Each structure stands twice: as C-alpha cells, then as structure tokens.
Amino acid sequence: MTVSQLAETLSLRIVQDQFEDRHVGGAYTSDLLSDVMANAAEADLLITIQSHANTVAVASLVGAAAILICNDRPVPEDMIAAAAREEIAILISSESQFTLSGRIYALLNGLHPTA
C-alpha cells in the first residue's frame, strides 16, 4: 500500500503533498525522536504528535515513508517546507496515536481496514 492509498483509505489529510508516493512497509509510533532513530525501519510510517522540523530530519534519516501527525496538532510552515525539501508526506488526523496505530496495523496486515 502506498502513502496516498493509506491516506485515502483512512481519510487522512495530506498537508505536504510534494512527496514520493512510497510503499508503506510498516509503522512506528513514538514521540521520542531518539527512539525513532534507534528503532524505526525503512519505509515505516512515523506516527507521532511531534509537529516540528526535527521530526522531518529524523524521518528522513530513518527512511520513513511519511509522517502522520495525530490529534489534529497544527503543523508549522517550517515543518512543511522541510518535508517538501525531503519529499516526505505529512498527513494529519484528529484521531489518537493509539487508534491510528491499531487501524494502520489492521490495514497493513489484512485484518479489518476500517475498524
């Protein structure tokens, strides 16, 4: 499943749309960027509430497919600009990290994609 397919399936809003529509291989949920650097895998979707430019730098470093900001956190312009330079999508949802992690796990593992 690609980033744009995931966004469409889960009704995620794309706030940074200049990105390579990469395959999403998994997901990693964390707000501690050093934890993301140590444990996220290439092609993971980064699920977080950390809405700042450093999140983009870490996502780029680990090769994340995209960044998903939860709880309708505002995304500052400098984060959007950094993500555009790195060609990383930024997605937003009003849902919590817990809910989105479960929905994405189900979707990527062929369970109940809209549950």
N, C-alpha and C. Protein backbone atom coordinates (compact mmCIF):
# COMPACT_ATOMS: atom_id res chain seq x y z
N MET A 1 0.84 -1.16 0.00
CA MET A 1 0.00 0.00 0.00
C MET A 1 0.90 1.24 0.00
N THR A 2 0.53 2.23 -0.81
CA THR A 2 1.32 3.46 -0.89
C THR A 2 0.81 4.49 0.11
N VAL A 3 1.58 5.54 0.28
CA VAL A 3 1.20 6.62 1.18
C VAL A 3 -0.15 7.21 0.78
N SER A 4 -0.34 7.49 -0.50
CA SER A 4 -1.60 8.10 -0.93
C SER A 4 -2.78 7.13 -0.77
N GLN A 5 -2.57 5.85 -0.98
CA GLN A 5 -3.63 4.86 -0.77
C GLN A 5 -4.01 4.79 0.71
N LEU A 6 -3.01 4.83 1.57
CA LEU A 6 -3.25 4.81 3.01
C LEU A 6 -4.03 6.06 3.43
N ALA A 7 -3.62 7.20 2.93
CA ALA A 7 -4.30 8.45 3.26
C ALA A 7 -5.77 8.40 2.83
N GLU A 8 -6.00 7.90 1.63
CA GLU A 8 -7.38 7.84 1.13
C GLU A 8 -8.21 6.84 1.93
N THR A 9 -7.66 5.68 2.20
CA THR A 9 -8.39 4.64 2.92
C THR A 9 -8.78 5.07 4.32
N LEU A 10 -7.89 5.78 5.00
CA LEU A 10 -8.13 6.19 6.38
C LEU A 10 -8.62 7.63 6.52
N SER A 11 -8.91 8.28 5.40
CA SER A 11 -9.37 9.68 5.40
C SER A 11 -8.41 10.61 6.14
N LEU A 12 -7.12 10.44 5.85
CA LEU A 12 -6.09 11.30 6.43
C LEU A 12 -5.93 12.53 5.54
N ARG A 13 -5.70 13.66 6.15
CA ARG A 13 -5.48 14.88 5.38
C ARG A 13 -4.00 15.00 5.04
N ILE A 14 -3.71 15.28 3.79
CA ILE A 14 -2.33 15.46 3.34
C ILE A 14 -2.03 16.95 3.37
N VAL A 15 -1.10 17.36 4.25
CA VAL A 15 -0.77 18.79 4.35
C VAL A 15 0.54 19.14 3.65
N GLN A 16 1.30 18.13 3.29
CA GLN A 16 2.52 18.36 2.50
C GLN A 16 2.44 17.34 1.38
N ASP A 17 2.10 17.83 0.18
CA ASP A 17 1.77 16.92 -0.92
C ASP A 17 2.85 16.80 -1.99
N GLN A 18 4.05 17.31 -1.72
CA GLN A 18 5.16 17.16 -2.65
C GLN A 18 6.05 16.02 -2.15
N PHE A 19 5.62 14.79 -2.46
CA PHE A 19 6.33 13.64 -1.92
C PHE A 19 6.35 12.50 -2.92
N GLU A 20 7.31 11.62 -2.72
CA GLU A 20 7.37 10.38 -3.47
C GLU A 20 6.33 9.44 -2.86
N ASP A 21 5.42 8.92 -3.66
CA ASP A 21 4.35 8.06 -3.17
C ASP A 21 4.89 6.66 -2.91
N ARG A 22 5.57 6.53 -1.80
CA ARG A 22 6.29 5.31 -1.46
C ARG A 22 5.39 4.23 -0.89
N HIS A 23 5.89 3.02 -0.92
CA HIS A 23 5.25 1.88 -0.27
C HIS A 23 5.40 2.03 1.24
N VAL A 24 4.33 1.80 1.98
CA VAL A 24 4.37 1.81 3.44
C VAL A 24 4.57 0.36 3.89
N GLY A 25 5.73 0.10 4.46
CA GLY A 25 6.07 -1.26 4.86
C GLY A 25 5.65 -1.61 6.27
N GLY A 26 5.40 -0.62 7.08
CA GLY A 26 5.03 -0.82 8.48
C GLY A 26 4.79 0.54 9.10
N ALA A 27 4.78 0.59 10.41
CA ALA A 27 4.59 1.86 11.11
C ALA A 27 5.36 1.83 12.42
N TYR A 28 5.72 3.01 12.88
CA TYR A 28 6.38 3.14 14.17
C TYR A 28 5.75 4.33 14.88
N THR A 29 5.29 4.10 16.11
CA THR A 29 4.62 5.14 16.89
C THR A 29 5.51 5.56 18.04
N SER A 30 5.90 6.83 18.05
CA SER A 30 6.72 7.34 19.15
C SER A 30 6.78 8.86 19.07
N ASP A 31 6.92 9.48 20.23
CA ASP A 31 7.12 10.92 20.30
C ASP A 31 8.56 11.26 20.71
N LEU A 32 9.33 10.26 20.99
CA LEU A 32 10.73 10.45 21.37
C LEU A 32 11.58 10.22 20.13
N LEU A 33 12.12 11.29 19.56
CA LEU A 33 12.80 11.19 18.28
C LEU A 33 14.04 10.31 18.33
N SER A 34 14.73 10.26 19.47
CA SER A 34 15.88 9.36 19.57
C SER A 34 15.41 7.89 19.52
N ASP A 35 14.24 7.62 20.04
CA ASP A 35 13.66 6.28 19.96
C ASP A 35 13.34 5.93 18.51
N VAL A 36 12.80 6.89 17.77
CA VAL A 36 12.51 6.68 16.35
C VAL A 36 13.80 6.38 15.59
N MET A 37 14.85 7.15 15.86
CA MET A 37 16.13 6.93 15.19
C MET A 37 16.67 5.53 15.47
N ALA A 38 16.47 5.05 16.68
CA ALA A 38 17.02 3.75 17.06
C ALA A 38 16.17 2.57 16.60
N ASN A 39 14.87 2.78 16.39
CA ASN A 39 14.00 1.62 16.20
C ASN A 39 13.10 1.62 14.96
N ALA A 40 12.87 2.74 14.34
CA ALA A 40 12.01 2.76 13.15
C ALA A 40 12.75 2.12 11.99
N ALA A 41 11.99 1.50 11.11
CA ALA A 41 12.57 0.83 9.95
C ALA A 41 12.33 1.63 8.67
N GLU A 42 13.16 1.38 7.69
CA GLU A 42 12.98 1.95 6.35
C GLU A 42 11.55 1.65 5.88
N ALA A 43 10.89 2.64 5.31
CA ALA A 43 9.53 2.55 4.74
C ALA A 43 8.42 2.53 5.80
N ASP A 44 8.77 2.74 7.08
CA ASP A 44 7.74 2.84 8.11
C ASP A 44 7.01 4.18 7.99
N LEU A 45 5.76 4.19 8.40
CA LEU A 45 5.01 5.41 8.61
C LEU A 45 5.30 5.85 10.03
N LEU A 46 5.77 7.07 10.23
CA LEU A 46 6.04 7.59 11.57
C LEU A 46 4.77 8.21 12.12
N ILE A 47 4.25 7.65 13.20
CA ILE A 47 3.03 8.13 13.84
C ILE A 47 3.45 8.86 15.11
N THR A 48 3.09 10.16 15.20
CA THR A 48 3.59 10.99 16.30
C THR A 48 2.70 12.21 16.52
N ILE A 49 2.96 12.92 17.62
CA ILE A 49 2.38 14.24 17.83
C ILE A 49 3.46 15.32 17.75
N GLN A 50 4.69 14.91 17.47
CA GLN A 50 5.81 15.85 17.38
C GLN A 50 5.73 16.61 16.06
N SER A 51 5.23 17.80 16.12
CA SER A 51 4.98 18.59 14.92
C SER A 51 5.99 19.72 14.82
N HIS A 52 7.20 19.37 14.38
CA HIS A 52 8.25 20.37 14.17
C HIS A 52 9.28 19.84 13.17
N ALA A 53 10.14 20.72 12.73
CA ALA A 53 11.08 20.38 11.66
C ALA A 53 12.03 19.24 12.04
N ASN A 54 12.35 19.08 13.31
CA ASN A 54 13.24 17.98 13.70
C ASN A 54 12.62 16.62 13.39
N THR A 55 11.30 16.55 13.42
CA THR A 55 10.62 15.29 13.09
C THR A 55 10.90 14.91 11.65
N VAL A 56 10.94 15.89 10.77
CA VAL A 56 11.24 15.64 9.36
C VAL A 56 12.67 15.14 9.21
N ALA A 57 13.60 15.75 9.93
CA ALA A 57 15.00 15.33 9.85
C ALA A 57 15.15 13.88 10.28
N VAL A 58 14.48 13.49 11.34
CA VAL A 58 14.55 12.11 11.82
C VAL A 58 13.87 11.16 10.82
N ALA A 59 12.72 11.55 10.30
CA ALA A 59 12.02 10.73 9.31
C ALA A 59 12.90 10.49 8.09
N SER A 60 13.59 11.53 7.65
CA SER A 60 14.49 11.41 6.51
C SER A 60 15.65 10.47 6.84
N LEU A 61 16.20 10.62 8.03
CA LEU A 61 17.34 9.81 8.46
C LEU A 61 17.01 8.32 8.46
N VAL A 62 15.81 7.96 8.94
CA VAL A 62 15.44 6.54 9.02
C VAL A 62 14.80 6.02 7.74
N GLY A 63 14.51 6.92 6.79
CA GLY A 63 13.88 6.50 5.54
C GLY A 63 12.40 6.24 5.66
N ALA A 64 11.74 7.00 6.54
CA ALA A 64 10.29 6.83 6.74
C ALA A 64 9.54 7.14 5.45
N ALA A 65 8.45 6.43 5.25
CA ALA A 65 7.61 6.65 4.06
C ALA A 65 6.84 7.95 4.17
N ALA A 66 6.44 8.32 5.39
CA ALA A 66 5.65 9.53 5.62
C ALA A 66 5.58 9.78 7.13
N ILE A 67 5.06 10.95 7.48
CA ILE A 67 4.84 11.33 8.87
C ILE A 67 3.35 11.53 9.07
N LEU A 68 2.80 10.92 10.10
CA LEU A 68 1.39 11.09 10.45
C LEU A 68 1.31 11.81 11.79
N ILE A 69 0.76 13.01 11.77
CA ILE A 69 0.57 13.82 12.97
C ILE A 69 -0.84 13.56 13.50
N CYS A 70 -0.93 13.21 14.77
CA CYS A 70 -2.21 12.83 15.38
C CYS A 70 -2.82 13.98 16.18
N ASN A 71 -4.05 13.77 16.60
CA ASN A 71 -4.77 14.69 17.48
C ASN A 71 -4.93 16.09 16.89
N ASP A 72 -4.95 16.18 15.56
CA ASP A 72 -5.12 17.48 14.89
C ASP A 72 -4.11 18.54 15.35
N ARG A 73 -2.92 18.10 15.68
CA ARG A 73 -1.87 19.07 16.05
C ARG A 73 -1.58 19.97 14.85
N PRO A 74 -1.42 21.25 15.09
CA PRO A 74 -1.06 22.13 13.97
C PRO A 74 0.35 21.82 13.47
N VAL A 75 0.52 21.97 12.17
CA VAL A 75 1.82 21.72 11.54
C VAL A 75 2.39 23.06 11.11
N PRO A 76 3.53 23.46 11.68
CA PRO A 76 4.11 24.76 11.33
C PRO A 76 4.67 24.77 9.90
N GLU A 77 4.73 25.95 9.35
CA GLU A 77 5.21 26.13 7.97
C GLU A 77 6.63 25.63 7.77
N ASP A 78 7.50 25.80 8.78
CA ASP A 78 8.88 25.34 8.61
C ASP A 78 8.95 23.82 8.52
N MET A 79 8.04 23.12 9.17
CA MET A 79 7.99 21.67 9.06
C MET A 79 7.52 21.26 7.67
N ILE A 80 6.51 21.94 7.17
CA ILE A 80 6.00 21.66 5.83
C ILE A 80 7.09 21.91 4.79
N ALA A 81 7.81 23.01 4.93
CA ALA A 81 8.89 23.34 3.99
C ALA A 81 10.01 22.30 4.04
N ALA A 82 10.38 21.87 5.25
CA ALA A 82 11.42 20.85 5.39
C ALA A 82 10.98 19.54 4.76
N ALA A 83 9.73 19.16 4.96
CA ALA A 83 9.21 17.92 4.39
C ALA A 83 9.16 18.00 2.87
N ALA A 84 8.84 19.16 2.34
CA ALA A 84 8.82 19.33 0.88
C ALA A 84 10.23 19.15 0.31
N ARG A 85 11.22 19.71 0.99
CA ARG A 85 12.61 19.55 0.54
C ARG A 85 13.04 18.09 0.56
N GLU A 86 12.58 17.34 1.55
CA GLU A 86 12.94 15.92 1.69
C GLU A 86 11.98 14.99 0.94
N GLU A 87 10.94 15.55 0.34
CA GLU A 87 9.91 14.78 -0.38
C GLU A 87 9.26 13.74 0.52
N ILE A 88 8.92 14.15 1.75
CA ILE A 88 8.24 13.30 2.71
C ILE A 88 6.84 13.85 2.94
N ALA A 89 5.83 13.01 2.78
CA ALA A 89 4.45 13.43 3.02
C ALA A 89 4.22 13.69 4.50
N ILE A 90 3.40 14.70 4.78
CA ILE A 90 2.90 14.91 6.14
C ILE A 90 1.39 14.73 6.07
N LEU A 91 0.91 13.82 6.89
CA LEU A 91 -0.51 13.52 6.99
C LEU A 91 -1.00 13.94 8.37
N ILE A 92 -2.28 14.29 8.47
CA ILE A 92 -2.87 14.70 9.75
C ILE A 92 -4.17 13.95 9.96
N SER A 93 -4.44 13.64 11.23
CA SER A 93 -5.71 13.04 11.63
C SER A 93 -6.13 13.61 12.98
N SER A 94 -7.42 13.62 13.21
CA SER A 94 -7.94 14.03 14.52
C SER A 94 -7.86 12.89 15.52
N GLU A 95 -7.60 11.68 15.03
CA GLU A 95 -7.59 10.52 15.91
C GLU A 95 -6.30 10.44 16.73
N SER A 96 -6.34 9.66 17.79
CA SER A 96 -5.19 9.49 18.68
C SER A 96 -4.17 8.54 18.07
N GLN A 97 -2.98 8.55 18.64
CA GLN A 97 -1.93 7.63 18.21
C GLN A 97 -2.36 6.17 18.42
N PHE A 98 -3.01 5.90 19.52
CA PHE A 98 -3.47 4.55 19.82
C PHE A 98 -4.42 4.05 18.74
N THR A 99 -5.44 4.86 18.44
CA THR A 99 -6.44 4.47 17.45
C THR A 99 -5.82 4.29 16.08
N LEU A 100 -5.01 5.26 15.66
CA LEU A 100 -4.39 5.17 14.33
C LEU A 100 -3.42 4.01 14.23
N SER A 101 -2.66 3.75 15.27
CA SER A 101 -1.74 2.62 15.25
C SER A 101 -2.50 1.32 15.04
N GLY A 102 -3.61 1.16 15.73
CA GLY A 102 -4.42 -0.05 15.57
C GLY A 102 -5.04 -0.16 14.19
N ARG A 103 -5.57 0.94 13.68
CA ARG A 103 -6.18 0.93 12.35
C ARG A 103 -5.15 0.61 11.27
N ILE A 104 -3.98 1.22 11.39
CA ILE A 104 -2.93 1.00 10.39
C ILE A 104 -2.38 -0.42 10.49
N TYR A 105 -2.21 -0.93 11.69
CA TYR A 105 -1.77 -2.31 11.85
C TYR A 105 -2.75 -3.25 11.16
N ALA A 106 -4.03 -3.06 11.41
CA ALA A 106 -5.05 -3.91 10.80
C ALA A 106 -5.02 -3.81 9.27
N LEU A 107 -4.91 -2.60 8.78
CA LEU A 107 -4.90 -2.37 7.34
C LEU A 107 -3.70 -3.04 6.67
N LEU A 108 -2.52 -2.84 7.24
CA LEU A 108 -1.30 -3.37 6.64
C LEU A 108 -1.19 -4.89 6.78
N ASN A 109 -1.95 -5.45 7.71
CA ASN A 109 -1.89 -6.90 7.93
C ASN A 109 -3.15 -7.62 7.45
N GLY A 110 -3.95 -6.93 6.63
CA GLY A 110 -5.11 -7.57 6.01
C GLY A 110 -6.23 -7.92 6.96
N LEU A 111 -6.31 -7.24 8.08
CA LEU A 111 -7.38 -7.52 9.03
C LEU A 111 -8.60 -6.66 8.66
N HIS A 112 -9.13 -5.90 9.57
CA HIS A 112 -10.32 -5.08 9.31
C HIS A 112 -9.88 -3.64 9.05
N PRO A 113 -9.68 -3.26 7.79
CA PRO A 113 -9.06 -1.98 7.47
C PRO A 113 -9.80 -0.74 7.94
N THR A 114 -11.11 -0.80 8.12
CA THR A 114 -11.82 0.40 8.53
C THR A 114 -12.28 0.32 9.98
N ALA A 115 -11.92 -0.74 10.68
CA ALA A 115 -12.36 -0.91 12.08
C ALA A 115 -11.62 0.05 12.98
